Amino acid sequence: MKDYHRSLLKKVISNLPTNYHYFGQKGFNLLELLIVTFILGILAAIAVPNLLKQVDKARYTQAIMDMDCIADDVRTYHLENGVFPKDVGSNTKPSGVNCFPRRNIDKIPFNSRYDYESWNGGSQKCYIQITFFGKNGVRNSPTNRVVFSEPGLYYDYDDDLILTLGIFDTPCQ
């Protein structure tokens, strides 16, 4: 009986096609490559948008850190001089503020711009805010008017960030 099985196994093996290698196969066939490419395409379609969102989030975090640094310098200037720095145009460093990133000089997230603003909000009060123009680089928030009276960080205008330092009982320069 053993010999019968052995001879049957030899017959089956000898009848296998010789042009296809089952165990020593080298490389991939076209179908396998297409399946792998399709799976990688699906993974990329899912991963790339999430990656881009995280990159934008990191850039906005950098902008918030820059705005905090500007605010610290503005507060220090106020403590040392009794007044706030004079209002200047966007992308212009106010006097006494060392930590003010400028477009085309410093690396600013999204190559956008910052704007330090101080203006009299009526009855001898000074309103101070710092605005980051966001990803599109265009100011969407109003200028020269009290936007938020309470100090804090606000996201209410499209992609702009507004850091309000508050309304102070001293007139602006």
N, C-alpha and C. Protein backbone atom coordinates (compact mmCIF):
# COMPACT_ATOMS: atom_id res chain seq x y z
N MET A 1 0.81 -1.18 0.00
CA MET A 1 0.00 0.00 0.00
C MET A 1 0.87 1.25 0.00
N LYS A 2 1.99 1.19 0.75
CA LYS A 2 2.90 2.33 0.78
C LYS A 2 3.44 2.63 -0.60
N ASP A 3 3.80 1.63 -1.30
CA ASP A 3 4.36 1.84 -2.64
C ASP A 3 3.32 2.45 -3.58
N TYR A 4 2.07 2.04 -3.38
CA TYR A 4 1.02 2.60 -4.21
C TYR A 4 0.89 4.12 -3.99
N HIS A 5 0.92 4.56 -2.73
CA HIS A 5 0.83 6.00 -2.42
C HIS A 5 2.03 6.76 -2.96
N ARG A 6 3.17 6.11 -2.82
CA ARG A 6 4.38 6.76 -3.31
C ARG A 6 4.32 6.95 -4.82
N SER A 7 3.92 5.95 -5.53
CA SER A 7 3.85 6.06 -6.98
C SER A 7 2.77 7.05 -7.41
N LEU A 8 1.66 7.10 -6.68
CA LEU A 8 0.60 8.05 -6.98
C LEU A 8 1.09 9.49 -6.77
N LEU A 9 1.82 9.71 -5.69
CA LEU A 9 2.36 11.04 -5.40
C LEU A 9 3.36 11.46 -6.48
N LYS A 10 4.20 10.53 -6.92
CA LYS A 10 5.16 10.84 -7.99
C LYS A 10 4.42 11.21 -9.27
N LYS A 11 3.33 10.48 -9.57
CA LYS A 11 2.56 10.76 -10.77
C LYS A 11 1.94 12.16 -10.71
N VAL A 12 1.38 12.53 -9.55
CA VAL A 12 0.74 13.84 -9.39
C VAL A 12 1.78 14.94 -9.54
N ILE A 13 2.93 14.78 -8.90
CA ILE A 13 3.98 15.79 -8.97
C ILE A 13 4.50 15.92 -10.39
N SER A 14 4.65 14.83 -11.07
CA SER A 14 5.17 14.90 -12.44
C SER A 14 4.17 15.55 -13.39
N ASN A 15 2.87 15.53 -13.07
CA ASN A 15 1.86 16.15 -13.92
C ASN A 15 1.64 17.63 -13.63
N LEU A 16 2.27 18.18 -12.61
CA LEU A 16 2.14 19.62 -12.32
C LEU A 16 2.80 20.43 -13.42
N PRO A 17 2.21 21.61 -13.74
CA PRO A 17 2.84 22.45 -14.78
C PRO A 17 4.21 22.94 -14.31
N THR A 18 5.14 22.95 -15.23
CA THR A 18 6.51 23.33 -14.88
C THR A 18 6.78 24.82 -15.08
N ASN A 19 5.89 25.55 -15.75
CA ASN A 19 6.14 26.97 -16.00
C ASN A 19 5.72 27.86 -14.83
N TYR A 20 5.08 27.33 -13.82
CA TYR A 20 4.67 28.13 -12.66
C TYR A 20 5.35 27.55 -11.42
N HIS A 21 6.05 28.38 -10.70
CA HIS A 21 6.81 27.93 -9.53
C HIS A 21 6.00 28.23 -8.28
N TYR A 22 5.65 27.20 -7.56
CA TYR A 22 4.83 27.40 -6.37
C TYR A 22 5.65 27.87 -5.18
N PHE A 23 6.79 27.27 -4.98
CA PHE A 23 7.56 27.58 -3.78
C PHE A 23 8.71 28.53 -4.03
N GLY A 24 9.28 28.51 -5.16
CA GLY A 24 10.43 29.35 -5.45
C GLY A 24 10.06 30.56 -6.30
N GLN A 25 8.81 30.98 -6.22
CA GLN A 25 8.32 32.09 -7.05
C GLN A 25 9.08 33.37 -6.72
N LYS A 26 9.51 34.08 -7.74
CA LYS A 26 10.22 35.34 -7.56
C LYS A 26 9.40 36.45 -8.18
N GLY A 27 9.24 37.59 -7.42
CA GLY A 27 8.49 38.73 -7.93
C GLY A 27 7.00 38.58 -7.68
N PHE A 28 6.24 39.57 -8.15
CA PHE A 28 4.80 39.58 -7.95
C PHE A 28 4.13 39.60 -9.31
N ASN A 29 2.94 39.03 -9.36
CA ASN A 29 2.21 39.12 -10.62
C ASN A 29 1.45 40.45 -10.67
N LEU A 30 0.88 40.76 -11.80
CA LEU A 30 0.23 42.06 -12.02
C LEU A 30 -0.95 42.28 -11.08
N LEU A 31 -1.73 41.27 -10.85
CA LEU A 31 -2.89 41.40 -9.97
C LEU A 31 -2.47 41.76 -8.55
N GLU A 32 -1.44 41.11 -8.05
CA GLU A 32 -0.96 41.43 -6.70
C GLU A 32 -0.47 42.88 -6.62
N LEU A 33 0.24 43.33 -7.63
CA LEU A 33 0.71 44.72 -7.64
C LEU A 33 -0.45 45.71 -7.69
N LEU A 34 -1.48 45.41 -8.47
CA LEU A 34 -2.64 46.29 -8.55
C LEU A 34 -3.38 46.36 -7.21
N ILE A 35 -3.51 45.25 -6.54
CA ILE A 35 -4.19 45.23 -5.24
C ILE A 35 -3.42 46.06 -4.22
N VAL A 36 -2.12 45.88 -4.17
CA VAL A 36 -1.30 46.64 -3.23
C VAL A 36 -1.36 48.13 -3.55
N THR A 37 -1.29 48.48 -4.83
CA THR A 37 -1.38 49.89 -5.23
C THR A 37 -2.73 50.49 -4.84
N PHE A 38 -3.79 49.74 -5.03
CA PHE A 38 -5.13 50.21 -4.66
C PHE A 38 -5.24 50.44 -3.16
N ILE A 39 -4.74 49.52 -2.37
CA ILE A 39 -4.78 49.66 -0.90
C ILE A 39 -3.96 50.87 -0.46
N LEU A 40 -2.79 51.05 -1.04
CA LEU A 40 -1.96 52.21 -0.69
C LEU A 40 -2.65 53.51 -1.08
N GLY A 41 -3.34 53.52 -2.20
CA GLY A 41 -4.09 54.71 -2.62
C GLY A 41 -5.20 55.06 -1.64
N ILE A 42 -5.91 54.06 -1.16
CA ILE A 42 -6.97 54.30 -0.17
C ILE A 42 -6.37 54.85 1.11
N LEU A 43 -5.29 54.25 1.58
CA LEU A 43 -4.64 54.74 2.80
C LEU A 43 -4.15 56.18 2.64
N ALA A 44 -3.59 56.50 1.49
CA ALA A 44 -3.11 57.87 1.24
C ALA A 44 -4.29 58.84 1.21
N ALA A 45 -5.39 58.44 0.61
CA ALA A 45 -6.57 59.32 0.55
C ALA A 45 -7.12 59.62 1.94
N ILE A 46 -6.96 58.70 2.85
CA ILE A 46 -7.41 58.92 4.22
C ILE A 46 -6.38 59.72 5.02
N ALA A 47 -5.11 59.40 4.85
CA ALA A 47 -4.06 59.98 5.70
C ALA A 47 -3.68 61.41 5.32
N VAL A 48 -3.60 61.73 4.04
CA VAL A 48 -3.10 63.04 3.61
C VAL A 48 -3.95 64.20 4.13
N PRO A 49 -5.28 64.17 4.01
CA PRO A 49 -6.06 65.30 4.57
C PRO A 49 -5.87 65.47 6.07
N ASN A 50 -5.79 64.36 6.79
CA ASN A 50 -5.56 64.46 8.24
C ASN A 50 -4.19 65.04 8.54
N LEU A 51 -3.20 64.67 7.76
CA LEU A 51 -1.86 65.21 7.95
C LEU A 51 -1.84 66.72 7.69
N LEU A 52 -2.51 67.16 6.63
CA LEU A 52 -2.56 68.59 6.32
C LEU A 52 -3.28 69.38 7.41
N LYS A 53 -4.34 68.80 7.99
CA LYS A 53 -5.03 69.47 9.10
C LYS A 53 -4.08 69.65 10.28
N GLN A 54 -3.27 68.65 10.55
CA GLN A 54 -2.34 68.74 11.67
C GLN A 54 -1.26 69.79 11.41
N VAL A 55 -0.81 69.89 10.17
CA VAL A 55 0.18 70.91 9.82
C VAL A 55 -0.41 72.31 10.02
N ASP A 56 -1.65 72.52 9.58
CA ASP A 56 -2.31 73.82 9.79
C ASP A 56 -2.49 74.11 11.27
N LYS A 57 -2.87 73.10 12.02
CA LYS A 57 -3.04 73.28 13.47
C LYS A 57 -1.72 73.69 14.12
N ALA A 58 -0.63 73.08 13.71
CA ALA A 58 0.68 73.44 14.25
C ALA A 58 1.05 74.87 13.89
N ARG A 59 0.72 75.30 12.68
CA ARG A 59 1.03 76.68 12.28
C ARG A 59 0.21 77.69 13.09
N TYR A 60 -1.05 77.39 13.33
CA TYR A 60 -1.87 78.28 14.16
C TYR A 60 -1.35 78.31 15.60
N THR A 61 -0.87 77.18 16.09
CA THR A 61 -0.28 77.15 17.43
C THR A 61 0.96 78.04 17.47
N GLN A 62 1.77 78.02 16.42
CA GLN A 62 2.94 78.91 16.36
C GLN A 62 2.49 80.37 16.34
N ALA A 63 1.43 80.68 15.62
CA ALA A 63 0.92 82.06 15.58
C ALA A 63 0.45 82.50 16.96
N ILE A 64 -0.20 81.62 17.69
CA ILE A 64 -0.65 81.94 19.05
C ILE A 64 0.55 82.22 19.95
N MET A 65 1.59 81.41 19.81
CA MET A 65 2.81 81.63 20.61
C MET A 65 3.44 82.98 20.26
N ASP A 66 3.49 83.32 18.97
CA ASP A 66 4.02 84.62 18.55
C ASP A 66 3.19 85.76 19.13
N MET A 67 1.88 85.62 19.09
CA MET A 67 0.99 86.66 19.61
C MET A 67 1.17 86.83 21.12
N ASP A 68 1.36 85.72 21.83
CA ASP A 68 1.62 85.81 23.28
C ASP A 68 2.92 86.54 23.56
N CYS A 69 3.93 86.30 22.75
CA CYS A 69 5.22 86.99 22.91
C CYS A 69 5.06 88.49 22.66
N ILE A 70 4.33 88.85 21.62
CA ILE A 70 4.07 90.27 21.33
C ILE A 70 3.33 90.90 22.51
N ALA A 71 2.31 90.20 23.01
CA ALA A 71 1.52 90.72 24.13
C ALA A 71 2.38 90.94 25.37
N ASP A 72 3.30 90.01 25.64
CA ASP A 72 4.20 90.18 26.79
C ASP A 72 5.05 91.43 26.64
N ASP A 73 5.58 91.65 25.44
CA ASP A 73 6.39 92.86 25.19
C ASP A 73 5.55 94.13 25.32
N VAL A 74 4.32 94.10 24.85
CA VAL A 74 3.43 95.27 24.95
C VAL A 74 3.13 95.57 26.42
N ARG A 75 2.85 94.53 27.20
CA ARG A 75 2.60 94.73 28.64
C ARG A 75 3.83 95.29 29.34
N THR A 76 5.00 94.77 29.00
CA THR A 76 6.25 95.26 29.60
C THR A 76 6.46 96.72 29.24
N TYR A 77 6.23 97.08 27.99
CA TYR A 77 6.36 98.48 27.55
C TYR A 77 5.41 99.37 28.36
N HIS A 78 4.19 98.91 28.56
CA HIS A 78 3.20 99.68 29.33
C HIS A 78 3.65 99.85 30.78
N LEU A 79 4.18 98.81 31.38
CA LEU A 79 4.65 98.91 32.77
C LEU A 79 5.83 99.87 32.90
N GLU A 80 6.73 99.85 31.92
CA GLU A 80 7.93 100.70 31.99
C GLU A 80 7.64 102.15 31.62
N ASN A 81 6.68 102.40 30.73
CA ASN A 81 6.46 103.75 30.20
C ASN A 81 5.13 104.38 30.59
N GLY A 82 4.23 103.61 31.14
CA GLY A 82 2.93 104.14 31.54
C GLY A 82 1.95 104.30 30.39
N VAL A 83 2.37 104.03 29.18
CA VAL A 83 1.50 104.08 28.00
C VAL A 83 1.78 102.84 27.14
N PHE A 84 0.87 102.60 26.22
CA PHE A 84 1.07 101.49 25.29
C PHE A 84 1.79 102.00 24.05
N PRO A 85 2.47 101.10 23.33
CA PRO A 85 3.11 101.53 22.08
C PRO A 85 2.07 102.11 21.13
N LYS A 86 2.53 103.01 20.29
CA LYS A 86 1.68 103.67 19.31
C LYS A 86 1.20 102.66 18.27
N ASP A 87 -0.01 102.86 17.79
CA ASP A 87 -0.57 102.00 16.74
C ASP A 87 0.24 102.15 15.46
N VAL A 88 0.53 101.03 14.84
CA VAL A 88 1.28 101.03 13.57
C VAL A 88 0.52 100.15 12.57
N GLY A 89 0.92 100.20 11.35
CA GLY A 89 0.27 99.38 10.32
C GLY A 89 0.60 97.91 10.48
N SER A 90 -0.11 97.09 9.72
CA SER A 90 0.14 95.65 9.79
C SER A 90 1.55 95.34 9.28
N ASN A 91 2.11 94.30 9.85
CA ASN A 91 3.46 93.86 9.49
C ASN A 91 4.53 94.89 9.86
N THR A 92 4.20 95.82 10.77
CA THR A 92 5.14 96.85 11.21
C THR A 92 5.37 96.67 12.70
N LYS A 93 6.63 96.65 13.08
CA LYS A 93 7.00 96.44 14.48
C LYS A 93 6.78 97.72 15.28
N PRO A 94 5.97 97.66 16.36
CA PRO A 94 5.79 98.84 17.20
C PRO A 94 7.06 99.12 18.01
N SER A 95 7.26 100.37 18.39
CA SER A 95 8.46 100.70 19.17
C SER A 95 8.36 100.02 20.54
N GLY A 96 9.50 99.51 20.99
CA GLY A 96 9.56 98.85 22.28
C GLY A 96 9.13 97.41 22.27
N VAL A 97 8.71 96.91 21.15
CA VAL A 97 8.29 95.51 21.04
C VAL A 97 9.34 94.75 20.24
N ASN A 98 10.11 93.94 20.93
CA ASN A 98 11.19 93.20 20.26
C ASN A 98 10.70 91.92 19.60
N CYS A 99 9.69 91.34 20.16
CA CYS A 99 9.18 90.06 19.68
C CYS A 99 8.03 90.30 18.71
N PHE A 100 8.35 90.73 17.50
CA PHE A 100 7.31 90.98 16.51
C PHE A 100 7.76 90.41 15.17
N PRO A 101 7.30 89.19 14.83
CA PRO A 101 7.69 88.60 13.55
C PRO A 101 7.10 89.39 12.39
N ARG A 102 7.91 89.61 11.36
CA ARG A 102 7.44 90.36 10.19
C ARG A 102 7.56 89.51 8.94
N ARG A 103 6.59 89.67 8.09
CA ARG A 103 6.56 88.95 6.82
C ARG A 103 7.76 89.34 5.97
N ASN A 104 8.29 88.40 5.25
CA ASN A 104 9.45 88.56 4.36
C ASN A 104 10.75 88.76 5.12
N ILE A 105 10.70 88.88 6.45
CA ILE A 105 11.92 88.98 7.25
C ILE A 105 12.03 87.74 8.14
N ASP A 106 10.97 87.43 8.83
CA ASP A 106 10.92 86.28 9.74
C ASP A 106 10.01 85.21 9.15
N LYS A 107 10.13 84.02 9.72
CA LYS A 107 9.26 82.93 9.28
C LYS A 107 7.93 83.03 10.03
N ILE A 108 6.89 83.37 9.31
CA ILE A 108 5.56 83.52 9.88
C ILE A 108 4.68 82.39 9.33
N PRO A 109 3.86 81.78 10.18
CA PRO A 109 2.98 80.73 9.68
C PRO A 109 2.14 81.20 8.49
N PHE A 110 2.07 80.38 7.48
CA PHE A 110 1.32 80.64 6.24
C PHE A 110 1.84 81.88 5.50
N ASN A 111 3.00 82.39 5.86
CA ASN A 111 3.55 83.63 5.29
C ASN A 111 2.50 84.75 5.37
N SER A 112 1.78 84.78 6.49
CA SER A 112 0.72 85.75 6.71
C SER A 112 1.30 86.99 7.38
N ARG A 113 0.53 87.70 8.18
CA ARG A 113 1.04 88.89 8.86
C ARG A 113 0.33 89.10 10.19
N TYR A 114 0.99 89.89 11.04
CA TYR A 114 0.44 90.29 12.34
C TYR A 114 0.16 91.79 12.30
N ASP A 115 -0.77 92.22 13.15
CA ASP A 115 -1.08 93.64 13.26
C ASP A 115 -1.30 93.98 14.72
N TYR A 116 -0.46 94.89 15.24
CA TYR A 116 -0.65 95.42 16.59
C TYR A 116 -1.54 96.65 16.46
N GLU A 117 -2.58 96.70 17.28
CA GLU A 117 -3.52 97.81 17.19
C GLU A 117 -3.78 98.40 18.57
N SER A 118 -3.74 99.72 18.64
CA SER A 118 -4.14 100.42 19.87
C SER A 118 -4.90 101.67 19.43
N TRP A 119 -6.09 101.85 19.95
CA TRP A 119 -6.85 103.05 19.63
C TRP A 119 -7.75 103.40 20.81
N ASN A 120 -8.11 104.65 20.84
CA ASN A 120 -8.98 105.14 21.91
C ASN A 120 -10.40 104.65 21.66
N GLY A 121 -10.90 103.96 22.65
CA GLY A 121 -12.24 103.41 22.55
C GLY A 121 -13.29 104.32 23.14
N GLY A 122 -12.98 105.58 23.27
CA GLY A 122 -13.93 106.53 23.85
C GLY A 122 -13.68 106.72 25.33
N SER A 123 -14.02 107.87 25.84
CA SER A 123 -13.87 108.26 27.26
C SER A 123 -12.47 107.94 27.81
N GLN A 124 -11.45 108.31 27.04
CA GLN A 124 -10.05 108.20 27.46
C GLN A 124 -9.64 106.77 27.82
N LYS A 125 -10.14 105.80 27.10
CA LYS A 125 -9.77 104.41 27.32
C LYS A 125 -9.06 103.90 26.08
N CYS A 126 -8.08 103.04 26.31
CA CYS A 126 -7.26 102.51 25.22
C CYS A 126 -7.60 101.03 25.00
N TYR A 127 -7.92 100.69 23.77
CA TYR A 127 -8.23 99.31 23.39
C TYR A 127 -7.01 98.74 22.69
N ILE A 128 -6.54 97.57 23.16
CA ILE A 128 -5.34 96.93 22.59
C ILE A 128 -5.71 95.55 22.07
N GLN A 129 -5.29 95.26 20.84
CA GLN A 129 -5.46 93.91 20.30
C GLN A 129 -4.34 93.60 19.31
N ILE A 130 -4.10 92.31 19.15
CA ILE A 130 -3.12 91.81 18.17
C ILE A 130 -3.89 90.87 17.25
N THR A 131 -3.75 91.07 15.96
CA THR A 131 -4.48 90.26 14.99
C THR A 131 -3.50 89.49 14.12
N PHE A 132 -3.80 88.21 13.90
CA PHE A 132 -3.07 87.39 12.95
C PHE A 132 -4.01 87.16 11.78
N PHE A 133 -3.55 87.44 10.57
CA PHE A 133 -4.42 87.41 9.39
C PHE A 133 -4.76 86.01 8.89
N GLY A 134 -4.20 85.00 9.48
CA GLY A 134 -4.59 83.62 9.18
C GLY A 134 -4.03 83.05 7.90
N LYS A 135 -4.56 81.89 7.55
CA LYS A 135 -4.05 81.11 6.42
C LYS A 135 -4.17 81.84 5.10
N ASN A 136 -5.26 82.59 4.89
CA ASN A 136 -5.43 83.25 3.60
C ASN A 136 -4.67 84.56 3.50
N GLY A 137 -4.08 85.04 4.61
CA GLY A 137 -3.27 86.25 4.59
C GLY A 137 -4.05 87.54 4.42
N VAL A 138 -5.38 87.46 4.49
CA VAL A 138 -6.24 88.62 4.31
C VAL A 138 -6.96 88.90 5.62
N ARG A 139 -7.01 90.16 5.99
CA ARG A 139 -7.72 90.53 7.22
C ARG A 139 -9.22 90.44 7.00
N ASN A 140 -9.88 89.68 7.86
CA ASN A 140 -11.33 89.53 7.79
C ASN A 140 -12.03 90.20 8.97
N SER A 141 -11.27 90.60 9.97
CA SER A 141 -11.85 91.23 11.16
C SER A 141 -11.87 92.75 10.99
N PRO A 142 -12.79 93.43 11.69
CA PRO A 142 -12.87 94.89 11.57
C PRO A 142 -11.66 95.58 12.21
N THR A 143 -11.40 96.80 11.76
CA THR A 143 -10.29 97.58 12.33
C THR A 143 -10.84 98.83 13.01
N ASN A 144 -10.02 99.35 13.91
CA ASN A 144 -10.30 100.61 14.61
C ASN A 144 -11.67 100.67 15.28
N ARG A 145 -12.05 99.57 15.86
CA ARG A 145 -13.23 99.56 16.71
C ARG A 145 -13.10 98.41 17.69
N VAL A 146 -13.76 98.54 18.83
CA VAL A 146 -13.70 97.51 19.86
C VAL A 146 -14.43 96.28 19.35
N VAL A 147 -13.68 95.21 19.20
CA VAL A 147 -14.26 93.97 18.70
C VAL A 147 -14.67 93.09 19.88
N PHE A 148 -13.76 92.87 20.81
CA PHE A 148 -14.02 92.09 22.01
C PHE A 148 -13.51 92.89 23.20
N SER A 149 -14.36 93.15 24.17
CA SER A 149 -13.94 93.97 25.31
C SER A 149 -13.20 93.16 26.36
N GLU A 150 -13.47 91.88 26.43
CA GLU A 150 -12.80 91.03 27.42
C GLU A 150 -11.48 90.50 26.86
N PRO A 151 -10.43 90.50 27.68
CA PRO A 151 -9.15 89.94 27.21
C PRO A 151 -9.30 88.46 26.87
N GLY A 152 -8.61 88.04 25.84
CA GLY A 152 -8.63 86.63 25.46
C GLY A 152 -8.33 86.44 23.99
N LEU A 153 -8.31 85.17 23.60
CA LEU A 153 -8.02 84.79 22.22
C LEU A 153 -9.33 84.43 21.54
N TYR A 154 -9.57 84.99 20.37
CA TYR A 154 -10.84 84.78 19.67
C TYR A 154 -10.59 84.30 18.24
N TYR A 155 -11.50 83.43 17.77
CA TYR A 155 -11.39 82.84 16.43
C TYR A 155 -12.59 83.20 15.55
N ASP A 156 -13.31 84.24 15.86
CA ASP A 156 -14.61 84.49 15.25
C ASP A 156 -14.62 85.02 13.82
N TYR A 157 -13.51 85.42 13.28
CA TYR A 157 -13.52 86.04 11.95
C TYR A 157 -12.78 85.18 10.94
N ASP A 158 -13.54 84.31 10.28
CA ASP A 158 -13.00 83.44 9.24
C ASP A 158 -11.77 82.72 9.75
N ASP A 159 -10.59 83.03 9.23
CA ASP A 159 -9.38 82.34 9.70
C ASP A 159 -8.47 83.27 10.51
N ASP A 160 -8.93 84.47 10.84
CA ASP A 160 -8.13 85.40 11.66
C ASP A 160 -8.12 84.95 13.12
N LEU A 161 -7.02 85.25 13.79
CA LEU A 161 -6.95 85.10 15.24
C LEU A 161 -6.85 86.50 15.83
N ILE A 162 -7.60 86.76 16.88
CA ILE A 162 -7.54 88.07 17.54
C ILE A 162 -7.21 87.83 19.01
N LEU A 163 -6.12 88.43 19.45
CA LEU A 163 -5.76 88.39 20.86
C LEU A 163 -6.04 89.78 21.43
N THR A 164 -7.08 89.86 22.26
CA THR A 164 -7.46 91.13 22.87
C THR A 164 -6.78 91.23 24.22
N LEU A 165 -6.02 92.31 24.42
CA LEU A 165 -5.42 92.55 25.73
C LEU A 165 -6.40 93.26 26.65
N GLY A 166 -7.37 93.95 26.09
CA GLY A 166 -8.43 94.56 26.88
C GLY A 166 -8.57 96.04 26.63
N ILE A 167 -9.42 96.66 27.45
CA ILE A 167 -9.64 98.10 27.43
C ILE A 167 -9.04 98.66 28.72
N PHE A 168 -8.17 99.65 28.57
CA PHE A 168 -7.42 100.19 29.71
C PHE A 168 -7.82 101.64 29.97
N ASP A 169 -7.72 102.05 31.22
CA ASP A 169 -8.14 103.40 31.65
C ASP A 169 -7.10 104.46 31.35
N THR A 170 -6.22 104.22 30.45
CA THR A 170 -5.24 105.24 30.04
C THR A 170 -5.42 105.51 28.56
N PRO A 171 -5.24 106.74 28.12
CA PRO A 171 -5.39 107.01 26.68
C PRO A 171 -4.23 106.40 25.89
N CYS A 172 -4.51 106.09 24.66
CA CYS A 172 -3.46 105.58 23.77
C CYS A 172 -2.58 106.73 23.31
N GLN A 173 -1.40 106.40 22.85
CA GLN A 173 -0.49 107.43 22.32
C GLN A 173 -0.99 107.96 21.01
